[in-house]
Amino acid sequence: YMAENERLQETLSGKGNGKKKALTDG
């Protein structure tokens, strides 16, 4: 769960795999 949490936080901050992704509001 901690690994998943870190991965989701990286995704939310736009740091996942070193690429910034545009996320929709939903």
mmCIF file of all heavy atoms, coordinates in Angstrom:
data_MODEL
# 
_entry.id   MODEL 
# 
loop_
_atom_site.group_PDB 
_atom_site.id 
_atom_site.type_symbol 
_atom_site.label_atom_id 
_atom_site.label_alt_id 
_atom_site.label_comp_id 
_atom_site.label_asym_id 
_atom_site.label_entity_id 
_atom_site.label_seq_id 
_atom_site.pdbx_PDB_ins_code 
_atom_site.Cartn_x 
_atom_site.Cartn_y 
_atom_site.Cartn_z 
_atom_site.occupancy 
_atom_site.B_iso_or_equiv 
_atom_site.pdbx_formal_charge 
_atom_site.auth_seq_id 
_atom_site.auth_comp_id 
_atom_site.auth_asym_id 
_atom_site.auth_atom_id 
_atom_site.pdbx_PDB_model_num 
ATOM 1   N N   . TYR A 1 1  ? 0.816   -1.210 0.000   1.00 0.00 ? 1  TYR A N   1 
ATOM 2   C CA  . TYR A 1 1  ? 0.000   0.000  0.000   1.00 0.00 ? 1  TYR A CA  1 
ATOM 3   C C   . TYR A 1 1  ? 0.851   1.261  0.000   1.00 0.00 ? 1  TYR A C   1 
ATOM 4   O O   . TYR A 1 1  ? 0.504   2.273  -0.631  1.00 0.00 ? 1  TYR A O   1 
ATOM 5   C CB  . TYR A 1 1  ? -0.943  0.008  1.206   1.00 0.00 ? 1  TYR A CB  1 
ATOM 6   C CG  . TYR A 1 1  ? -2.058  -0.995 1.112   1.00 0.00 ? 1  TYR A CG  1 
ATOM 7   C CD1 . TYR A 1 1  ? -2.433  -1.771 2.203   1.00 0.00 ? 1  TYR A CD1 1 
ATOM 8   C CD2 . TYR A 1 1  ? -2.743  -1.180 -0.093  1.00 0.00 ? 1  TYR A CD2 1 
ATOM 9   C CE1 . TYR A 1 1  ? -3.452  -2.700 2.109   1.00 0.00 ? 1  TYR A CE1 1 
ATOM 10  C CE2 . TYR A 1 1  ? -3.764  -2.106 -0.197  1.00 0.00 ? 1  TYR A CE2 1 
ATOM 11  C CZ  . TYR A 1 1  ? -4.115  -2.865 0.900   1.00 0.00 ? 1  TYR A CZ  1 
ATOM 12  O OH  . TYR A 1 1  ? -5.120  -3.783 0.804   1.00 0.00 ? 1  TYR A OH  1 
ATOM 13  N N   . MET A 1 2  ? 1.977   1.220  0.686   1.00 0.00 ? 2  MET A N   1 
ATOM 14  C CA  . MET A 1 2  ? 2.865   2.393  0.683   1.00 0.00 ? 2  MET A CA  1 
ATOM 15  C C   . MET A 1 2  ? 3.463   2.633  -0.698  1.00 0.00 ? 2  MET A C   1 
ATOM 16  O O   . MET A 1 2  ? 3.575   3.775  -1.151  1.00 0.00 ? 2  MET A O   1 
ATOM 17  C CB  . MET A 1 2  ? 3.987   2.189  1.715   1.00 0.00 ? 2  MET A CB  1 
ATOM 18  C CG  . MET A 1 2  ? 3.515   2.350  3.157   1.00 0.00 ? 2  MET A CG  1 
ATOM 19  S SD  . MET A 1 2  ? 4.775   1.957  4.368   1.00 0.00 ? 2  MET A SD  1 
ATOM 20  C CE  . MET A 1 2  ? 5.864   3.344  4.153   1.00 0.00 ? 2  MET A CE  1 
ATOM 21  N N   . ALA A 1 3  ? 3.827   1.549  -1.399  1.00 0.00 ? 3  ALA A N   1 
ATOM 22  C CA  . ALA A 1 3  ? 4.363   1.708  -2.755  1.00 0.00 ? 3  ALA A CA  1 
ATOM 23  C C   . ALA A 1 3  ? 3.304   2.283  -3.697  1.00 0.00 ? 3  ALA A C   1 
ATOM 24  O O   . ALA A 1 3  ? 3.598   3.173  -4.511  1.00 0.00 ? 3  ALA A O   1 
ATOM 25  C CB  . ALA A 1 3  ? 4.864   0.362  -3.267  1.00 0.00 ? 3  ALA A CB  1 
ATOM 26  N N   . GLU A 1 4  ? 2.064   1.790  -3.558  1.00 0.00 ? 4  GLU A N   1 
ATOM 27  C CA  . GLU A 1 4  ? 0.988   2.314  -4.396  1.00 0.00 ? 4  GLU A CA  1 
ATOM 28  C C   . GLU A 1 4  ? 0.712   3.781  -4.072  1.00 0.00 ? 4  GLU A C   1 
ATOM 29  O O   . GLU A 1 4  ? 0.452   4.592  -4.963  1.00 0.00 ? 4  GLU A O   1 
ATOM 30  C CB  . GLU A 1 4  ? -0.275  1.478  -4.186  1.00 0.00 ? 4  GLU A CB  1 
ATOM 31  C CG  . GLU A 1 4  ? -0.207  0.101  -4.829  1.00 0.00 ? 4  GLU A CG  1 
ATOM 32  C CD  . GLU A 1 4  ? -1.500  -0.665 -4.657  1.00 0.00 ? 4  GLU A CD  1 
ATOM 33  O OE1 . GLU A 1 4  ? -2.470  -0.086 -4.118  1.00 0.00 ? 4  GLU A OE1 1 
ATOM 34  O OE2 . GLU A 1 4  ? -1.535  -1.841 -5.063  1.00 0.00 ? 4  GLU A OE2 1 
ATOM 35  N N   . ASN A 1 5  ? 0.771   4.118  -2.794  1.00 0.00 ? 5  ASN A N   1 
ATOM 36  C CA  . ASN A 1 5  ? 0.540   5.498  -2.387  1.00 0.00 ? 5  ASN A CA  1 
ATOM 37  C C   . ASN A 1 5  ? 1.595   6.435  -2.981  1.00 0.00 ? 5  ASN A C   1 
ATOM 38  O O   . ASN A 1 5  ? 1.275   7.521  -3.488  1.00 0.00 ? 5  ASN A O   1 
ATOM 39  C CB  . ASN A 1 5  ? 0.553   5.565  -0.849  1.00 0.00 ? 5  ASN A CB  1 
ATOM 40  C CG  . ASN A 1 5  ? 0.140   6.929  -0.346  1.00 0.00 ? 5  ASN A CG  1 
ATOM 41  O OD1 . ASN A 1 5  ? -0.508  7.695  -1.059  1.00 0.00 ? 5  ASN A OD1 1 
ATOM 42  N ND2 . ASN A 1 5  ? 0.523   7.246  0.878   1.00 0.00 ? 5  ASN A ND2 1 
ATOM 43  N N   . GLU A 1 6  ? 2.868   6.010  -2.913  1.00 0.00 ? 6  GLU A N   1 
ATOM 44  C CA  . GLU A 1 6  ? 3.936   6.829  -3.487  1.00 0.00 ? 6  GLU A CA  1 
ATOM 45  C C   . GLU A 1 6  ? 3.763   7.000  -4.999  1.00 0.00 ? 6  GLU A C   1 
ATOM 46  O O   . GLU A 1 6  ? 3.964   8.085  -5.553  1.00 0.00 ? 6  GLU A O   1 
ATOM 47  C CB  . GLU A 1 6  ? 5.296   6.191  -3.177  1.00 0.00 ? 6  GLU A CB  1 
ATOM 48  C CG  . GLU A 1 6  ? 5.716   6.333  -1.718  1.00 0.00 ? 6  GLU A CG  1 
ATOM 49  C CD  . GLU A 1 6  ? 7.019   5.632  -1.426  1.00 0.00 ? 6  GLU A CD  1 
ATOM 50  O OE1 . GLU A 1 6  ? 7.604   5.058  -2.390  1.00 0.00 ? 6  GLU A OE1 1 
ATOM 51  O OE2 . GLU A 1 6  ? 7.448   5.635  -0.269  1.00 0.00 ? 6  GLU A OE2 1 
ATOM 52  N N   . ARG A 1 7  ? 3.382   5.893  -5.652  1.00 0.00 ? 7  ARG A N   1 
ATOM 53  C CA  . ARG A 1 7  ? 3.185   5.975  -7.103  1.00 0.00 ? 7  ARG A CA  1 
ATOM 54  C C   . ARG A 1 7  ? 2.054   6.926  -7.466  1.00 0.00 ? 7  ARG A C   1 
ATOM 55  O O   . ARG A 1 7  ? 2.157   7.714  -8.410  1.00 0.00 ? 7  ARG A O   1 
ATOM 56  C CB  . ARG A 1 7  ? 2.913   4.570  -7.645  1.00 0.00 ? 7  ARG A CB  1 
ATOM 57  C CG  . ARG A 1 7  ? 2.978   4.498  -9.169  1.00 0.00 ? 7  ARG A CG  1 
ATOM 58  C CD  . ARG A 1 7  ? 2.937   3.078  -9.690  1.00 0.00 ? 7  ARG A CD  1 
ATOM 59  N NE  . ARG A 1 7  ? 1.681   2.436  -9.400  1.00 0.00 ? 7  ARG A NE  1 
ATOM 60  C CZ  . ARG A 1 7  ? 1.535   1.407  -8.567  1.00 0.00 ? 7  ARG A CZ  1 
ATOM 61  N NH1 . ARG A 1 7  ? 2.583   0.937  -7.915  1.00 0.00 ? 7  ARG A NH1 1 
ATOM 62  N NH2 . ARG A 1 7  ? 0.367   0.852  -8.343  1.00 0.00 ? 7  ARG A NH2 1 
ATOM 63  N N   . LEU A 1 8  ? 0.962   6.874  -6.692  1.00 0.00 ? 8  LEU A N   1 
ATOM 64  C CA  . LEU A 1 8  ? -0.159  7.773  -6.960  1.00 0.00 ? 8  LEU A CA  1 
ATOM 65  C C   . LEU A 1 8  ? 0.204   9.235  -6.672  1.00 0.00 ? 8  LEU A C   1 
ATOM 66  O O   . LEU A 1 8  ? -0.212  10.148 -7.398  1.00 0.00 ? 8  LEU A O   1 
ATOM 67  C CB  . LEU A 1 8  ? -1.368  7.362  -6.115  1.00 0.00 ? 8  LEU A CB  1 
ATOM 68  C CG  . LEU A 1 8  ? -2.112  6.105  -6.602  1.00 0.00 ? 8  LEU A CG  1 
ATOM 69  C CD1 . LEU A 1 8  ? -3.135  5.686  -5.579  1.00 0.00 ? 8  LEU A CD1 1 
ATOM 70  C CD2 . LEU A 1 8  ? -2.795  6.375  -7.941  1.00 0.00 ? 8  LEU A CD2 1 
ATOM 71  N N   . GLN A 1 9  ? 0.982   9.453  -5.620  1.00 0.00 ? 9  GLN A N   1 
ATOM 72  C CA  . GLN A 1 9  ? 1.402   10.823 -5.327  1.00 0.00 ? 9  GLN A CA  1 
ATOM 73  C C   . GLN A 1 9  ? 2.301   11.381 -6.426  1.00 0.00 ? 9  GLN A C   1 
ATOM 74  O O   . GLN A 1 9  ? 2.196   12.551 -6.803  1.00 0.00 ? 9  GLN A O   1 
ATOM 75  C CB  . GLN A 1 9  ? 2.125   10.862 -3.975  1.00 0.00 ? 9  GLN A CB  1 
ATOM 76  C CG  . GLN A 1 9  ? 1.181   10.793 -2.788  1.00 0.00 ? 9  GLN A CG  1 
ATOM 77  C CD  . GLN A 1 9  ? 1.927   10.849 -1.463  1.00 0.00 ? 9  GLN A CD  1 
ATOM 78  O OE1 . GLN A 1 9  ? 3.146   10.790 -1.448  1.00 0.00 ? 9  GLN A OE1 1 
ATOM 79  N NE2 . GLN A 1 9  ? 1.177   10.931 -0.372  1.00 0.00 ? 9  GLN A NE2 1 
ATOM 80  N N   . GLU A 1 10 ? 3.194   10.504 -6.946  1.00 0.00 ? 10 GLU A N   1 
ATOM 81  C CA  . GLU A 1 10 ? 4.041   10.946 -8.060  1.00 0.00 ? 10 GLU A CA  1 
ATOM 82  C C   . GLU A 1 10 ? 3.195   11.258 -9.291  1.00 0.00 ? 10 GLU A C   1 
ATOM 83  O O   . GLU A 1 10 ? 3.454   12.215 -10.020 1.00 0.00 ? 10 GLU A O   1 
ATOM 84  C CB  . GLU A 1 10 ? 5.074   9.869  -8.393  1.00 0.00 ? 10 GLU A CB  1 
ATOM 85  C CG  . GLU A 1 10 ? 6.199   9.761  -7.367  1.00 0.00 ? 10 GLU A CG  1 
ATOM 86  C CD  . GLU A 1 10 ? 7.169   8.631  -7.697  1.00 0.00 ? 10 GLU A CD  1 
ATOM 87  O OE1 . GLU A 1 10 ? 6.946   7.950  -8.722  1.00 0.00 ? 10 GLU A OE1 1 
ATOM 88  O OE2 . GLU A 1 10 ? 8.125   8.445  -6.927  1.00 0.00 ? 10 GLU A OE2 1 
ATOM 89  N N   . THR A 1 11 ? 2.173   10.448 -9.506  1.00 0.00 ? 11 THR A N   1 
ATOM 90  C CA  . THR A 1 11 ? 1.292   10.690 -10.662 1.00 0.00 ? 11 THR A CA  1 
ATOM 91  C C   . THR A 1 11 ? 0.544   12.012 -10.496 1.00 0.00 ? 11 THR A C   1 
ATOM 92  O O   . THR A 1 11 ? 0.386   12.783 -11.449 1.00 0.00 ? 11 THR A O   1 
ATOM 93  C CB  . THR A 1 11 ? 0.296   9.530  -10.805 1.00 0.00 ? 11 THR A CB  1 
ATOM 94  O OG1 . THR A 1 11 ? 1.018   8.308  -10.864 1.00 0.00 ? 11 THR A OG1 1 
ATOM 95  C CG2 . THR A 1 11 ? -0.537  9.669  -12.065 1.00 0.00 ? 11 THR A CG2 1 
ATOM 96  N N   . LEU A 1 12 ? 0.055   12.271 -9.255  1.00 0.00 ? 12 LEU A N   1 
ATOM 97  C CA  . LEU A 1 12 ? -0.674  13.513 -9.014  1.00 0.00 ? 12 LEU A CA  1 
ATOM 98  C C   . LEU A 1 12 ? 0.222   14.739 -9.175  1.00 0.00 ? 12 LEU A C   1 
ATOM 99  O O   . LEU A 1 12 ? -0.211  15.790 -9.652  1.00 0.00 ? 12 LEU A O   1 
ATOM 100 C CB  . LEU A 1 12 ? -1.276  13.507 -7.604  1.00 0.00 ? 12 LEU A CB  1 
ATOM 101 C CG  . LEU A 1 12 ? -2.535  12.662 -7.436  1.00 0.00 ? 12 LEU A CG  1 
ATOM 102 C CD1 . LEU A 1 12 ? -2.933  12.605 -5.970  1.00 0.00 ? 12 LEU A CD1 1 
ATOM 103 C CD2 . LEU A 1 12 ? -3.679  13.227 -8.267  1.00 0.00 ? 12 LEU A CD2 1 
ATOM 104 N N   . SER A 1 13 ? 1.473   14.655 -8.775  1.00 0.00 ? 13 SER A N   1 
ATOM 105 C CA  . SER A 1 13 ? 2.370   15.806 -8.885  1.00 0.00 ? 13 SER A CA  1 
ATOM 106 C C   . SER A 1 13 ? 2.990   15.927 -10.269 1.00 0.00 ? 13 SER A C   1 
ATOM 107 O O   . SER A 1 13 ? 3.780   16.822 -10.522 1.00 0.00 ? 13 SER A O   1 
ATOM 108 C CB  . SER A 1 13 ? 3.471   15.698 -7.830  1.00 0.00 ? 13 SER A CB  1 
ATOM 109 O OG  . SER A 1 13 ? 4.216   14.521 -8.039  1.00 0.00 ? 13 SER A OG  1 
ATOM 110 N N   . GLY A 1 14 ? 2.686   14.991 -11.166 1.00 0.00 ? 14 GLY A N   1 
ATOM 111 C CA  . GLY A 1 14 ? 3.167   15.084 -12.539 1.00 0.00 ? 14 GLY A CA  1 
ATOM 112 C C   . GLY A 1 14 ? 4.581   14.599 -12.725 1.00 0.00 ? 14 GLY A C   1 
ATOM 113 O O   . GLY A 1 14 ? 5.230   14.955 -13.704 1.00 0.00 ? 14 GLY A O   1 
ATOM 114 N N   . LYS A 1 15 ? 5.106   13.739 -11.782 1.00 0.00 ? 15 LYS A N   1 
ATOM 115 C CA  . LYS A 1 15 ? 6.480   13.262 -11.887 1.00 0.00 ? 15 LYS A CA  1 
ATOM 116 C C   . LYS A 1 15 ? 6.570   11.802 -12.299 1.00 0.00 ? 15 LYS A C   1 
ATOM 117 O O   . LYS A 1 15 ? 7.651   11.222 -12.259 1.00 0.00 ? 15 LYS A O   1 
ATOM 118 C CB  . LYS A 1 15 ? 7.184   13.427 -10.541 1.00 0.00 ? 15 LYS A CB  1 
ATOM 119 C CG  . LYS A 1 15 ? 7.354   14.867 -10.125 1.00 0.00 ? 15 LYS A CG  1 
ATOM 120 C CD  . LYS A 1 15 ? 8.028   14.946 -8.787  1.00 0.00 ? 15 LYS A CD  1 
ATOM 121 C CE  . LYS A 1 15 ? 8.178   16.395 -8.349  1.00 0.00 ? 15 LYS A CE  1 
ATOM 122 N NZ  . LYS A 1 15 ? 8.782   16.507 -7.019  1.00 0.00 ? 15 LYS A NZ  1 
ATOM 123 N N   . GLY A 1 16 ? 5.482   11.214 -12.641 1.00 0.00 ? 16 GLY A N   1 
ATOM 124 C CA  . GLY A 1 16 ? 5.512   9.798  -13.009 1.00 0.00 ? 16 GLY A CA  1 
ATOM 125 C C   . GLY A 1 16 ? 6.288   9.562  -14.269 1.00 0.00 ? 16 GLY A C   1 
ATOM 126 O O   . GLY A 1 16 ? 5.947   10.101 -15.334 1.00 0.00 ? 16 GLY A O   1 
ATOM 127 N N   . ASN A 1 17 ? 7.363   8.712  -14.151 1.00 0.00 ? 17 ASN A N   1 
ATOM 128 C CA  . ASN A 1 17 ? 8.246   8.340  -15.267 1.00 0.00 ? 17 ASN A CA  1 
ATOM 129 C C   . ASN A 1 17 ? 8.911   9.552  -15.919 1.00 0.00 ? 17 ASN A C   1 
ATOM 130 O O   . ASN A 1 17 ? 9.260   9.536  -17.102 1.00 0.00 ? 17 ASN A O   1 
ATOM 131 C CB  . ASN A 1 17 ? 7.487   7.547  -16.336 1.00 0.00 ? 17 ASN A CB  1 
ATOM 132 C CG  . ASN A 1 17 ? 7.038   6.204  -15.806 1.00 0.00 ? 17 ASN A CG  1 
ATOM 133 O OD1 . ASN A 1 17 ? 7.723   5.593  -15.000 1.00 0.00 ? 17 ASN A OD1 1 
ATOM 134 N ND2 . ASN A 1 17 ? 5.879   5.758  -16.246 1.00 0.00 ? 17 ASN A ND2 1 
ATOM 135 N N   . GLY A 1 18 ? 9.027   10.642 -15.191 1.00 0.00 ? 18 GLY A N   1 
ATOM 136 C CA  . GLY A 1 18 ? 9.738   11.822 -15.695 1.00 0.00 ? 18 GLY A CA  1 
ATOM 137 C C   . GLY A 1 18 ? 8.970   12.636 -16.714 1.00 0.00 ? 18 GLY A C   1 
ATOM 138 O O   . GLY A 1 18 ? 9.517   13.517 -17.358 1.00 0.00 ? 18 GLY A O   1 
ATOM 139 N N   . LYS A 1 19 ? 7.694   12.342 -16.908 1.00 0.00 ? 19 LYS A N   1 
ATOM 140 C CA  . LYS A 1 19 ? 6.895   13.070 -17.911 1.00 0.00 ? 19 LYS A CA  1 
ATOM 141 C C   . LYS A 1 19 ? 5.738   13.751 -17.218 1.00 0.00 ? 19 LYS A C   1 
ATOM 142 O O   . LYS A 1 19 ? 5.119   13.187 -16.328 1.00 0.00 ? 19 LYS A O   1 
ATOM 143 C CB  . LYS A 1 19 ? 6.337   12.098 -18.955 1.00 0.00 ? 19 LYS A CB  1 
ATOM 144 C CG  . LYS A 1 19 ? 7.422   11.406 -19.766 1.00 0.00 ? 19 LYS A CG  1 
ATOM 145 C CD  . LYS A 1 19 ? 6.791   10.436 -20.735 1.00 0.00 ? 19 LYS A CD  1 
ATOM 146 C CE  . LYS A 1 19 ? 7.834   9.696  -21.544 1.00 0.00 ? 19 LYS A CE  1 
ATOM 147 N NZ  . LYS A 1 19 ? 7.251   8.722  -22.452 1.00 0.00 ? 19 LYS A NZ  1 
ATOM 148 N N   . LYS A 1 20 ? 5.421   14.943 -17.629 1.00 0.00 ? 20 LYS A N   1 
ATOM 149 C CA  . LYS A 1 20 ? 4.273   15.666 -17.089 1.00 0.00 ? 20 LYS A CA  1 
ATOM 150 C C   . LYS A 1 20 ? 3.055   15.331 -17.932 1.00 0.00 ? 20 LYS A C   1 
ATOM 151 O O   . LYS A 1 20 ? 3.086   15.458 -19.144 1.00 0.00 ? 20 LYS A O   1 
ATOM 152 C CB  . LYS A 1 20 ? 4.536   17.170 -17.130 1.00 0.00 ? 20 LYS A CB  1 
ATOM 153 C CG  . LYS A 1 20 ? 5.620   17.604 -16.161 1.00 0.00 ? 20 LYS A CG  1 
ATOM 154 C CD  . LYS A 1 20 ? 5.743   19.095 -16.144 1.00 0.00 ? 20 LYS A CD  1 
ATOM 155 C CE  . LYS A 1 20 ? 6.788   19.535 -15.133 1.00 0.00 ? 20 LYS A CE  1 
ATOM 156 N NZ  . LYS A 1 20 ? 6.945   20.966 -15.071 1.00 0.00 ? 20 LYS A NZ  1 
ATOM 157 N N   . LYS A 1 21 ? 2.006   14.878 -17.216 1.00 0.00 ? 21 LYS A N   1 
ATOM 158 C CA  . LYS A 1 21 ? 0.788   14.474 -17.927 1.00 0.00 ? 21 LYS A CA  1 
ATOM 159 C C   . LYS A 1 21 ? -0.342  15.408 -17.540 1.00 0.00 ? 21 LYS A C   1 
ATOM 160 O O   . LYS A 1 21 ? -0.494  15.767 -16.368 1.00 0.00 ? 21 LYS A O   1 
ATOM 161 C CB  . LYS A 1 21 ? 0.418   13.035 -17.558 1.00 0.00 ? 21 LYS A CB  1 
ATOM 162 C CG  . LYS A 1 21 ? 1.500   12.034 -17.957 1.00 0.00 ? 21 LYS A CG  1 
ATOM 163 C CD  . LYS A 1 21 ? 1.107   10.639 -17.561 1.00 0.00 ? 21 LYS A CD  1 
ATOM 164 C CE  . LYS A 1 21 ? 2.180   9.637  -17.953 1.00 0.00 ? 21 LYS A CE  1 
ATOM 165 N NZ  . LYS A 1 21 ? 1.872   8.285  -17.573 1.00 0.00 ? 21 LYS A NZ  1 
ATOM 166 N N   . ALA A 1 22 ? -1.121  15.766 -18.531 1.00 0.00 ? 22 ALA A N   1 
ATOM 167 C CA  . ALA A 1 22 ? -2.283  16.626 -18.272 1.00 0.00 ? 22 ALA A CA  1 
ATOM 168 C C   . ALA A 1 22 ? -3.444  15.735 -17.861 1.00 0.00 ? 22 ALA A C   1 
ATOM 169 O O   . ALA A 1 22 ? -3.813  14.803 -18.571 1.00 0.00 ? 22 ALA A O   1 
ATOM 170 C CB  . ALA A 1 22 ? -2.649  17.397 -19.540 1.00 0.00 ? 22 ALA A CB  1 
ATOM 171 N N   . LEU A 1 23 ? -3.953  15.991 -16.680 1.00 0.00 ? 23 LEU A N   1 
ATOM 172 C CA  . LEU A 1 23 ? -5.047  15.177 -16.155 1.00 0.00 ? 23 LEU A CA  1 
ATOM 173 C C   . LEU A 1 23 ? -6.337  15.987 -16.171 1.00 0.00 ? 23 LEU A C   1 
ATOM 174 O O   . LEU A 1 23 ? -6.344  17.176 -15.851 1.00 0.00 ? 23 LEU A O   1 
ATOM 175 C CB  . LEU A 1 23 ? -4.736  14.750 -14.714 1.00 0.00 ? 23 LEU A CB  1 
ATOM 176 C CG  . LEU A 1 23 ? -3.499  13.852 -14.520 1.00 0.00 ? 23 LEU A CG  1 
ATOM 177 C CD1 . LEU A 1 23 ? -3.247  13.666 -13.044 1.00 0.00 ? 23 LEU A CD1 1 
ATOM 178 C CD2 . LEU A 1 23 ? -3.710  12.521 -15.193 1.00 0.00 ? 23 LEU A CD2 1 
ATOM 179 N N   . THR A 1 24 ? -7.380  15.355 -16.504 1.00 0.00 ? 24 THR A N   1 
ATOM 180 C CA  . THR A 1 24 ? -8.693  16.015 -16.456 1.00 0.00 ? 24 THR A CA  1 
ATOM 181 C C   . THR A 1 24 ? -9.152  16.095 -15.008 1.00 0.00 ? 24 THR A C   1 
ATOM 182 O O   . THR A 1 24 ? -8.630  15.398 -14.138 1.00 0.00 ? 24 THR A O   1 
ATOM 183 C CB  . THR A 1 24 ? -9.716  15.202 -17.281 1.00 0.00 ? 24 THR A CB  1 
ATOM 184 O OG1 . THR A 1 24 ? -9.814  13.902 -16.704 1.00 0.00 ? 24 THR A OG1 1 
ATOM 185 C CG2 . THR A 1 24 ? -9.291  15.085 -18.725 1.00 0.00 ? 24 THR A CG2 1 
ATOM 186 N N   . ASP A 1 25 ? -10.158 16.945 -14.771 1.00 0.00 ? 25 ASP A N   1 
ATOM 187 C CA  . ASP A 1 25 ? -10.660 17.124 -13.410 1.00 0.00 ? 25 ASP A CA  1 
ATOM 188 C C   . ASP A 1 25 ? -11.263 15.833 -12.857 1.00 0.00 ? 25 ASP A C   1 
ATOM 189 O O   . ASP A 1 25 ? -11.080 15.501 -11.685 1.00 0.00 ? 25 ASP A O   1 
ATOM 190 C CB  . ASP A 1 25 ? -11.729 18.240 -13.391 1.00 0.00 ? 25 ASP A CB  1 
ATOM 191 C CG  . ASP A 1 25 ? -11.099 19.600 -13.648 1.00 0.00 ? 25 ASP A CG  1 
ATOM 192 O OD1 . ASP A 1 25 ? -9.865  19.703 -13.466 1.00 0.00 ? 25 ASP A OD1 1 
ATOM 193 O OD2 . ASP A 1 25 ? -11.833 20.521 -14.021 1.00 0.00 ? 25 ASP A OD2 1 
ATOM 194 N N   . GLY A 1 26 ? -11.972 15.097 -13.687 1.00 0.00 ? 26 GLY A N   1 
ATOM 195 C CA  . GLY A 1 26 ? -12.594 13.844 -13.235 1.00 0.00 ? 26 GLY A CA  1 
ATOM 196 C C   . GLY A 1 26 ? -11.559 12.814 -12.818 1.00 0.00 ? 26 GLY A C   1 
ATOM 197 O O   . GLY A 1 26 ? -11.703 12.147 -11.781 1.00 0.00 ? 26 GLY A O   1 
# 
